């Protein structure tokens, strides 16, 4: 379990409050698929996601980005039990979806980059370090049910 200071808690909440899930989620998912094109293998039901234009215009990509950030909201609201919150989601990704757990780290990197683009100077180095600690806990929780 990760130990959070009150300053870290307030920093994570302050970053999260500035994020619009409906706006940012689609950008994050598109970034993952464009920067790491091999991740498209997990999204066979999304149809054509083989070009940048196709990814950017795919409503299933956009919808899944919103799903990802909605799940991240659960971690923000349950910082003391992120592993517990994500246990069933981790099992799903391991047992049924067969997602490489390193993909969670790649997604976390894309989240940070997208947030940095959105927040600019308010994501200063200390804030980013706190946010990275939080995302590391999320990645760890998403990988926790892998054997």
Protein backbone atom coordinates (compact mmCIF):
# COMPACT_ATOMS: atom_id res chain seq x y z
CA UNK A 1 0.00 0.00 0.00
CA UNK A 2 1.21 3.45 -0.91
CA UNK A 3 1.44 6.07 1.81
CA UNK A 4 0.13 9.49 0.81
CA UNK A 5 0.86 12.77 2.52
CA UNK A 6 -1.94 15.32 2.75
CA UNK A 7 -0.02 17.49 0.27
CA UNK A 8 0.14 14.60 -2.21
CA UNK A 9 -3.57 13.93 -1.79
CA UNK A 10 -4.45 17.55 -2.40
CA UNK A 11 -2.07 17.76 -5.37
CA UNK A 12 -3.56 14.69 -7.02
CA UNK A 13 -7.07 16.00 -6.44
CA UNK A 14 -6.14 19.43 -7.77
CA UNK A 15 -4.74 17.93 -10.98
CA UNK A 16 -7.74 15.67 -11.40
CA UNK A 17 -10.24 18.51 -10.91
CA UNK A 18 -8.80 20.23 -13.98
CA UNK A 19 -9.37 17.26 -16.26
CA UNK A 20 -12.47 16.90 -18.42
CA UNK A 21 -12.93 13.16 -18.99
CA UNK A 22 -15.00 13.63 -22.15
CA UNK A 23 -12.40 15.92 -23.69
CA UNK A 24 -9.14 14.37 -22.50
CA UNK A 25 -10.01 10.66 -22.54
CA UNK A 26 -10.28 10.39 -26.33
CA UNK A 27 -6.94 12.19 -26.78
CA UNK A 28 -5.19 9.81 -24.40
CA UNK A 29 -6.49 6.67 -26.09
CA UNK A 30 -5.63 8.06 -29.53
CA UNK A 31 -2.11 8.89 -28.33
CA UNK A 32 -1.61 5.33 -27.08
CA UNK A 33 -2.69 3.81 -30.38
CA UNK A 34 -0.70 6.24 -32.52
CA UNK A 35 2.54 6.25 -30.50
CA UNK A 36 2.42 2.54 -29.66
CA UNK A 37 0.67 1.03 -32.71
CA UNK A 38 1.22 -2.55 -31.53
CA UNK A 39 -1.39 -1.90 -28.83
CA UNK A 40 -4.06 -1.98 -31.53
CA UNK A 41 -4.06 -5.78 -31.15
CA UNK A 42 -6.12 -5.37 -27.98
CA UNK A 43 -8.84 -3.47 -29.79
CA UNK A 44 -9.87 -5.76 -32.63
CA UNK A 45 -13.53 -4.82 -32.22
CA UNK A 46 -12.79 -1.14 -32.88
CA UNK A 47 -12.64 -1.58 -36.66
CA UNK A 48 -10.15 0.45 -38.67
CA UNK A 49 -7.48 1.89 -36.38
CA UNK A 50 -4.54 1.39 -38.72
CA UNK A 51 -3.86 5.02 -39.64
CA UNK A 52 -3.62 8.20 -37.61
CA UNK A 53 -6.74 9.60 -39.26
CA UNK A 54 -8.67 6.40 -38.56
CA UNK A 55 -7.65 6.44 -34.88
CA UNK A 56 -8.53 10.11 -34.45
CA UNK A 57 -11.95 9.67 -36.05
CA UNK A 58 -12.91 6.36 -34.44
CA UNK A 59 -15.80 6.75 -31.97
CA UNK A 60 -14.86 3.51 -30.19
CA UNK A 61 -11.37 4.86 -29.49
CA UNK A 62 -12.90 8.04 -28.06
CA UNK A 63 -15.40 6.09 -25.96
CA UNK A 64 -12.71 3.81 -24.54
CA UNK A 65 -10.62 6.82 -23.58
CA UNK A 66 -13.54 8.05 -21.51
CA UNK A 67 -13.86 4.60 -19.92
CA UNK A 68 -10.16 4.67 -18.98
CA UNK A 69 -10.41 8.07 -17.31
CA UNK A 70 -13.64 7.12 -15.57
CA UNK A 71 -11.76 4.16 -14.09
CA UNK A 72 -8.92 6.51 -13.11
CA UNK A 73 -11.48 8.61 -11.25
CA UNK A 74 -12.18 5.56 -9.07
CA UNK A 75 -8.50 5.49 -8.09
CA UNK A 76 -8.49 9.21 -7.28
CA UNK A 77 -11.53 8.72 -5.03
CA UNK A 78 -10.07 5.58 -3.38
CA UNK A 79 -6.39 6.36 -3.00
CA UNK A 80 -6.03 4.18 0.08
CA UNK A 81 -7.24 1.04 -1.71
CA UNK A 82 -6.27 1.36 -5.37
CA UNK A 83 -5.32 -2.33 -5.55
CA UNK A 84 -8.67 -3.36 -4.13
CA UNK A 85 -10.55 -1.04 -6.45
CA UNK A 86 -8.74 -2.44 -9.48
CA UNK A 87 -8.53 -6.13 -8.51
CA UNK A 88 -11.36 -7.31 -10.77
CA UNK A 89 -10.28 -5.01 -13.60
CA UNK A 90 -6.74 -6.37 -13.34
CA UNK A 91 -8.06 -9.95 -13.47
CA UNK A 92 -10.17 -9.11 -16.52
CA UNK A 93 -7.17 -7.67 -18.36
CA UNK A 94 -5.05 -10.69 -17.43
CA UNK A 95 -7.44 -13.62 -17.78
CA UNK A 96 -9.77 -12.57 -20.60
CA UNK A 97 -8.21 -9.68 -22.50
CA UNK A 98 -4.60 -10.92 -22.25
CA UNK A 99 -3.17 -7.41 -22.09
CA UNK A 100 0.58 -7.15 -21.62
CA UNK A 101 0.98 -5.44 -18.23
CA UNK A 102 3.64 -3.13 -19.69
CA UNK A 103 0.80 -1.54 -21.67
CA UNK A 104 -0.46 0.01 -18.43
CA UNK A 105 2.84 1.87 -18.06
CA UNK A 106 2.62 3.08 -21.66
CA UNK A 107 -0.92 4.29 -21.01
CA UNK A 108 0.23 6.07 -17.85
CA UNK A 109 2.94 7.85 -19.84
CA UNK A 110 0.33 8.99 -22.37
CA UNK A 111 -1.90 10.21 -19.54
CA UNK A 112 0.94 12.30 -18.13
CA UNK A 113 1.80 13.77 -21.53
CA UNK A 114 -1.83 14.62 -22.27
CA UNK A 115 -2.28 16.19 -18.85
CA UNK A 116 0.92 18.20 -19.32
CA UNK A 117 -0.35 19.51 -22.65
CA UNK A 118 -3.61 20.49 -21.01
CA UNK A 119 -2.28 21.92 -17.75
CA UNK A 120 0.99 23.41 -19.03
CA UNK A 121 2.77 25.38 -16.30
CA UNK A 122 0.45 24.20 -13.52
CA UNK A 123 1.99 20.74 -13.93
CA UNK A 124 5.30 21.89 -12.48
CA UNK A 125 8.01 19.32 -11.66
CA UNK A 126 6.82 18.71 -8.08
CA UNK A 127 3.21 18.31 -9.18
CA UNK A 128 4.32 15.96 -11.95
CA UNK A 129 6.37 13.91 -9.48
CA UNK A 130 3.32 13.50 -7.26
CA UNK A 131 1.12 12.62 -10.24
CA UNK A 132 3.73 10.06 -11.40
CA UNK A 133 3.70 8.47 -7.94
CA UNK A 134 -0.08 8.17 -8.21
CA UNK A 135 0.04 6.68 -11.71
CA UNK A 136 2.73 4.22 -10.59
CA UNK A 137 0.34 3.01 -7.90
CA UNK A 138 -2.38 2.64 -10.55
CA UNK A 139 -0.07 0.70 -12.89
CA UNK A 140 0.97 -1.52 -10.00
CA UNK A 141 -2.69 -2.16 -9.12
CA UNK A 142 -3.59 -2.97 -12.73
CA UNK A 143 -0.73 -5.49 -12.82
CA UNK A 144 -1.48 -6.95 -9.39
CA UNK A 145 -3.56 -9.93 -10.55
CA UNK A 146 -1.04 -11.11 -13.13
CA UNK A 147 0.79 -14.34 -12.31
